[in-house]
Amino acid sequence: MMAPTLENSTESPPSLAMLAPIQAVLFDVDGTLCDSDPLHYYAFREMLLEIGYNGGVPVDEEWFIKTIAGKHNDDIASALFPDDQERGLKFCDEKEAMFRRLVKDQLKPIDGLYKVKKWIEDRGLKRAAVTNAPRLNAELMIEILGLKDFFDVIIIGSECERAKPYPDPYLKALELLKVSKDHTFIFEDSFSGITAGVAAEMPVVGLATRNPPHVLMEAKPAFLIKDYEDSKLWTALEEIDKKSGATTTRV
């Protein structure tokens, strides 16, 4: 899968300084911590091919982005097998098992992830992973990336009343971390995830990892970045630091 081209990358992003002093940063997992979508796409394509889905024609990336990316397995099962939800859920479970086999050898962090991790740790901020992925997937990816001790809590969409694109998982993260939405922001890579974060009334920094930027912008992120090395992100973080320093001085 080819990563999308991020247009207007030199534009100044909206300020996140209004959030100072920052209390927490929330992360999605797939496509946000790691570039896992190609592995999900491969697993879906091969397994659907085996059962003759789509007349035996392999599904393409456009179909994957529209039908699968960022969505909860309940919704994916309904989309794939609208007349047999039980079969759809069983298929998704088997696909997730295949994904976990693939991920052990092929998972790579998003560029700059450990740089932003250090920025968060240096400031003593709280952090949560908030994902629609099954818990087994999320915990495995987080462990492979060496982030097991980084996150204070992992929120799973299916363990909430409603998964993304509803705000419930992000609201649950705020509750468990005991932080305010007015001092927290989110990293997300999908339309569904950005929609959830915006509905939870927090600024969302969108990562154009695999999903088309024009699609992500429709969900109204604060701004988009290519990865965690993007100068737009560091400009915004520097503004937070300046505002936080000023706030501390006044206090």
Protein backbone atom coordinates (compact mmCIF):
# COMPACT_ATOMS: atom_id res chain seq x y z
CA MET A 1 0.00 0.00 0.00
CA MET A 2 1.35 3.41 -0.94
CA ALA A 3 1.23 6.17 1.64
CA PRO A 4 -0.86 9.18 0.51
CA THR A 5 0.75 12.47 -0.41
CA LEU A 6 0.15 15.12 2.24
CA GLU A 7 -0.68 18.40 0.53
CA ASN A 8 -0.10 21.88 1.96
CA SER A 9 2.47 20.48 4.41
CA THR A 10 4.12 23.89 4.79
CA GLU A 11 1.00 25.60 6.11
CA SER A 12 1.03 26.65 9.76
CA PRO A 13 -1.21 24.36 11.82
CA PRO A 14 -3.89 25.66 14.17
CA SER A 15 -2.42 26.21 17.61
CA LEU A 16 -2.66 23.57 20.32
CA ALA A 17 -1.36 26.09 22.86
CA MET A 18 -4.92 26.73 24.07
CA LEU A 19 -4.65 23.33 25.79
CA ALA A 20 -1.78 24.42 28.03
CA PRO A 21 -1.05 23.18 30.58
CA ILE A 22 -1.30 19.79 28.86
CA GLN A 23 -2.47 16.92 31.06
CA ALA A 24 -2.62 13.96 28.67
CA VAL A 25 -2.09 12.68 25.14
CA LEU A 26 -4.25 9.91 23.67
CA PHE A 27 -3.20 7.62 20.82
CA ASP A 28 -5.01 5.32 18.46
CA VAL A 29 -2.96 2.16 17.72
CA ASP A 30 -3.30 0.82 14.14
CA GLY A 31 -1.82 3.32 11.70
CA THR A 32 -1.04 5.75 14.51
CA LEU A 33 1.60 3.96 16.59
CA CYS A 34 2.57 1.60 13.79
CA ASP A 35 2.05 1.16 10.07
CA SER A 36 -0.12 -1.93 10.41
CA ASP A 37 -2.70 -1.32 7.68
CA PRO A 38 -0.69 -3.18 5.00
CA LEU A 39 -0.76 -6.28 7.22
CA HIS A 40 -4.51 -5.96 7.82
CA TYR A 41 -5.05 -5.46 4.08
CA TYR A 42 -2.94 -8.51 3.22
CA ALA A 43 -4.81 -10.69 5.72
CA PHE A 44 -8.25 -9.58 4.51
CA ARG A 45 -7.30 -9.90 0.83
CA GLU A 46 -5.89 -13.43 1.17
CA MET A 47 -8.68 -14.76 3.40
CA LEU A 48 -11.45 -13.26 1.25
CA LEU A 49 -9.78 -14.72 -1.84
CA GLU A 50 -9.86 -18.16 -0.21
CA ILE A 51 -13.64 -18.06 0.21
CA GLY A 52 -14.32 -16.63 -3.25
CA TYR A 53 -15.50 -13.23 -2.04
CA ASN A 54 -16.06 -10.62 -4.78
CA GLY A 55 -16.31 -13.36 -7.40
CA GLY A 56 -12.78 -14.50 -6.64
CA VAL A 57 -11.30 -11.13 -7.59
CA PRO A 58 -8.82 -9.83 -4.95
CA VAL A 59 -10.10 -6.76 -3.09
CA ASP A 60 -8.12 -3.59 -3.72
CA GLU A 61 -6.75 -0.86 -1.42
CA GLU A 62 -9.59 1.54 -2.20
CA TRP A 63 -12.11 -1.07 -1.03
CA PHE A 64 -10.03 -1.73 2.09
CA ILE A 65 -9.90 1.97 3.04
CA LYS A 66 -13.63 2.45 2.43
CA THR A 67 -14.88 -0.78 4.04
CA ILE A 68 -12.34 -1.78 6.67
CA ALA A 69 -9.88 0.88 7.83
CA GLY A 70 -10.60 2.21 11.31
CA LYS A 71 -13.87 0.30 11.69
CA HIS A 72 -14.94 -2.05 14.48
CA ASN A 73 -15.15 -5.78 13.70
CA ASP A 74 -18.92 -5.84 14.31
CA ASP A 75 -19.36 -3.31 11.50
CA ILE A 76 -16.85 -5.10 9.27
CA ALA A 77 -18.67 -8.40 9.77
CA SER A 78 -21.97 -6.78 8.78
CA ALA A 79 -20.40 -5.22 5.69
CA LEU A 80 -18.81 -8.48 4.52
CA PHE A 81 -21.67 -10.85 5.39
CA PRO A 82 -24.84 -8.75 5.73
CA ASP A 83 -27.04 -11.86 5.93
CA ASP A 84 -24.89 -13.84 8.36
CA GLN A 85 -23.41 -11.81 11.22
CA GLU A 86 -22.22 -14.92 13.04
CA ARG A 87 -20.21 -16.03 10.02
CA GLY A 88 -18.83 -12.51 9.65
CA LEU A 89 -17.65 -12.36 13.25
CA LYS A 90 -16.03 -15.81 12.96
CA PHE A 91 -14.26 -14.67 9.79
CA CYS A 92 -13.00 -11.53 11.55
CA ASP A 93 -11.71 -13.60 14.48
CA GLU A 94 -9.77 -15.83 12.10
CA LYS A 95 -8.44 -12.83 10.25
CA GLU A 96 -7.22 -11.28 13.52
CA ALA A 97 -5.36 -14.50 14.33
CA MET A 98 -3.65 -14.31 10.94
CA PHE A 99 -2.81 -10.65 11.55
CA ARG A 100 -1.18 -11.49 14.90
CA ARG A 101 1.02 -14.08 13.17
CA LEU A 102 2.10 -11.51 10.58
CA VAL A 103 2.67 -8.68 13.04
CA LYS A 104 5.30 -10.51 15.11
CA ASP A 105 7.89 -10.19 12.35
CA GLN A 106 6.74 -7.20 10.31
CA LEU A 107 5.51 -4.42 12.62
CA LYS A 108 7.26 -1.06 12.30
CA PRO A 109 6.69 2.13 14.34
CA ILE A 110 5.60 5.34 12.66
CA ASP A 111 8.64 7.55 12.02
CA GLY A 112 9.34 9.82 14.99
CA LEU A 113 7.17 7.84 17.42
CA TYR A 114 9.89 7.52 20.05
CA LYS A 115 10.74 11.19 19.70
CA VAL A 116 7.19 12.24 20.60
CA LYS A 117 7.14 9.54 23.29
CA LYS A 118 10.15 11.22 24.94
CA TRP A 119 8.46 14.64 24.69
CA ILE A 120 5.45 13.25 26.55
CA GLU A 121 7.53 11.44 29.18
CA ASP A 122 9.77 14.45 29.80
CA ARG A 123 6.68 16.50 30.68
CA GLY A 124 5.13 13.83 32.88
CA LEU A 125 1.92 13.68 30.86
CA LYS A 126 -0.65 10.92 31.22
CA ARG A 127 -1.28 8.74 28.18
CA ALA A 128 -3.73 6.17 26.90
CA ALA A 129 -4.06 3.94 23.86
CA VAL A 130 -7.63 4.08 22.52
CA THR A 131 -8.45 1.61 19.77
CA ASN A 132 -11.15 -0.37 18.00
CA ALA A 133 -8.71 -3.27 17.67
CA PRO A 134 -9.33 -6.43 19.69
CA ARG A 135 -7.45 -6.37 23.01
CA LEU A 136 -5.16 -9.24 21.97
CA ASN A 137 -4.08 -7.26 18.89
CA ALA A 138 -3.63 -3.98 20.75
CA GLU A 139 -1.61 -5.47 23.59
CA LEU A 140 0.58 -7.44 21.17
CA MET A 141 1.36 -4.39 19.01
CA ILE A 142 2.05 -2.21 22.04
CA GLU A 143 4.39 -4.84 23.48
CA ILE A 144 6.26 -5.31 20.18
CA LEU A 145 6.74 -1.54 19.95
CA GLY A 146 8.19 -1.45 23.48
CA LEU A 147 5.34 0.71 24.79
CA LYS A 148 3.90 -1.65 27.40
CA ASP A 149 5.11 0.55 30.26
CA PHE A 150 4.42 3.80 28.42
CA PHE A 151 0.62 3.69 28.46
CA ASP A 152 -1.29 4.18 31.70
CA VAL A 153 -4.34 2.44 30.24
CA ILE A 154 -5.54 0.73 27.05
CA ILE A 155 -9.15 1.43 26.03
CA ILE A 156 -10.81 -1.08 23.67
CA GLY A 157 -13.83 0.03 21.63
CA SER A 158 -15.75 -3.22 22.09
CA GLU A 159 -15.40 -2.87 25.87
CA CYS A 160 -17.21 0.49 25.77
CA GLU A 161 -20.93 1.04 25.27
CA ARG A 162 -20.15 2.16 21.71
CA ALA A 163 -16.92 1.91 19.72
CA LYS A 164 -15.47 4.59 17.41
CA PRO A 165 -16.75 6.58 15.51
CA TYR A 166 -18.70 7.33 18.69
CA PRO A 167 -16.82 9.32 21.34
CA ASP A 168 -17.31 6.75 24.12
CA PRO A 169 -13.79 5.23 24.06
CA TYR A 170 -12.15 8.66 24.28
CA LEU A 171 -14.51 9.80 27.00
CA LYS A 172 -13.68 6.64 28.94
CA ALA A 173 -9.96 7.44 28.61
CA LEU A 174 -10.52 10.89 30.11
CA GLU A 175 -12.46 9.35 32.97
CA LEU A 176 -9.85 6.71 33.78
CA LEU A 177 -6.92 9.11 33.50
CA LYS A 178 -8.81 11.74 35.52
CA VAL A 179 -7.95 14.51 33.06
CA SER A 180 -9.91 17.26 31.29
CA LYS A 181 -10.79 17.34 27.61
CA ASP A 182 -9.69 20.98 27.71
CA HIS A 183 -6.09 19.90 28.38
CA THR A 184 -5.83 16.76 26.24
CA PHE A 185 -5.29 16.04 22.56
CA ILE A 186 -5.41 12.96 20.34
CA PHE A 187 -3.36 11.31 17.59
CA GLU A 188 -5.51 9.41 15.04
CA ASP A 189 -5.11 8.12 11.48
CA SER A 190 -8.62 7.17 10.33
CA PHE A 191 -11.84 9.00 9.48
CA SER A 192 -13.66 6.94 12.11
CA GLY A 193 -11.10 7.72 14.80
CA ILE A 194 -10.88 11.42 14.06
CA THR A 195 -14.68 11.60 14.09
CA ALA A 196 -14.69 9.97 17.54
CA GLY A 197 -12.09 12.37 18.93
CA VAL A 198 -13.83 15.44 17.56
CA ALA A 199 -17.14 14.18 18.98
CA ALA A 200 -15.39 13.91 22.37
CA GLU A 201 -14.56 17.62 21.98
CA MET A 202 -10.79 17.29 21.83
CA PRO A 203 -8.36 18.48 19.14
CA VAL A 204 -7.19 15.62 16.93
CA VAL A 205 -3.86 15.59 15.13
CA GLY A 206 -4.45 13.38 12.10
CA LEU A 207 -1.76 11.14 10.65
CA ALA A 208 -1.97 10.64 6.90
CA THR A 209 -0.30 7.25 7.21
CA ARG A 210 -2.40 5.41 4.64
CA ASN A 211 -5.77 7.09 4.42
CA PRO A 212 -6.20 9.90 1.85
CA PRO A 213 -5.71 13.37 3.38
CA HIS A 214 -8.86 14.76 1.74
CA VAL A 215 -10.92 12.01 3.39
CA LEU A 216 -9.33 12.63 6.80
CA MET A 217 -9.94 16.39 6.53
CA GLU A 218 -13.67 15.75 6.17
CA ALA A 219 -13.62 14.52 9.79
CA LYS A 220 -12.25 17.93 10.89
CA PRO A 221 -8.89 17.23 12.56
CA ALA A 222 -6.98 20.19 13.98
CA PHE A 223 -4.36 19.50 11.29
CA LEU A 224 -2.69 16.61 9.47
CA ILE A 225 0.89 15.39 9.71
CA LYS A 226 2.82 12.86 7.65
CA ASP A 227 4.41 11.27 10.72
CA TYR A 228 5.84 12.30 14.10
CA GLU A 229 8.85 13.91 12.44
CA ASP A 230 6.61 16.45 10.68
CA SER A 231 7.71 20.02 11.43
CA LYS A 232 4.06 21.08 11.80
CA LEU A 233 3.72 18.88 14.84
CA TRP A 234 6.88 20.19 16.49
CA THR A 235 5.88 23.78 15.84
CA ALA A 236 2.60 23.07 17.65
CA LEU A 237 4.38 21.31 20.54
CA GLU A 238 6.83 24.18 20.92
CA GLU A 239 3.87 26.57 21.20
CA ILE A 240 2.44 24.39 23.96
CA ASP A 241 5.75 24.52 25.82
CA LYS A 242 5.95 28.30 25.51
CA LYS A 243 2.39 28.74 26.77
CA SER A 244 2.92 26.24 29.58
CA GLY A 245 6.07 28.04 30.66
CA ALA A 246 4.27 31.37 30.68
CA THR A 247 1.42 29.87 32.69
CA THR A 248 3.84 28.38 35.22
CA THR A 249 5.63 31.71 35.61
CA ARG A 250 2.40 33.56 36.34
CA VAL A 251 1.38 31.01 38.94
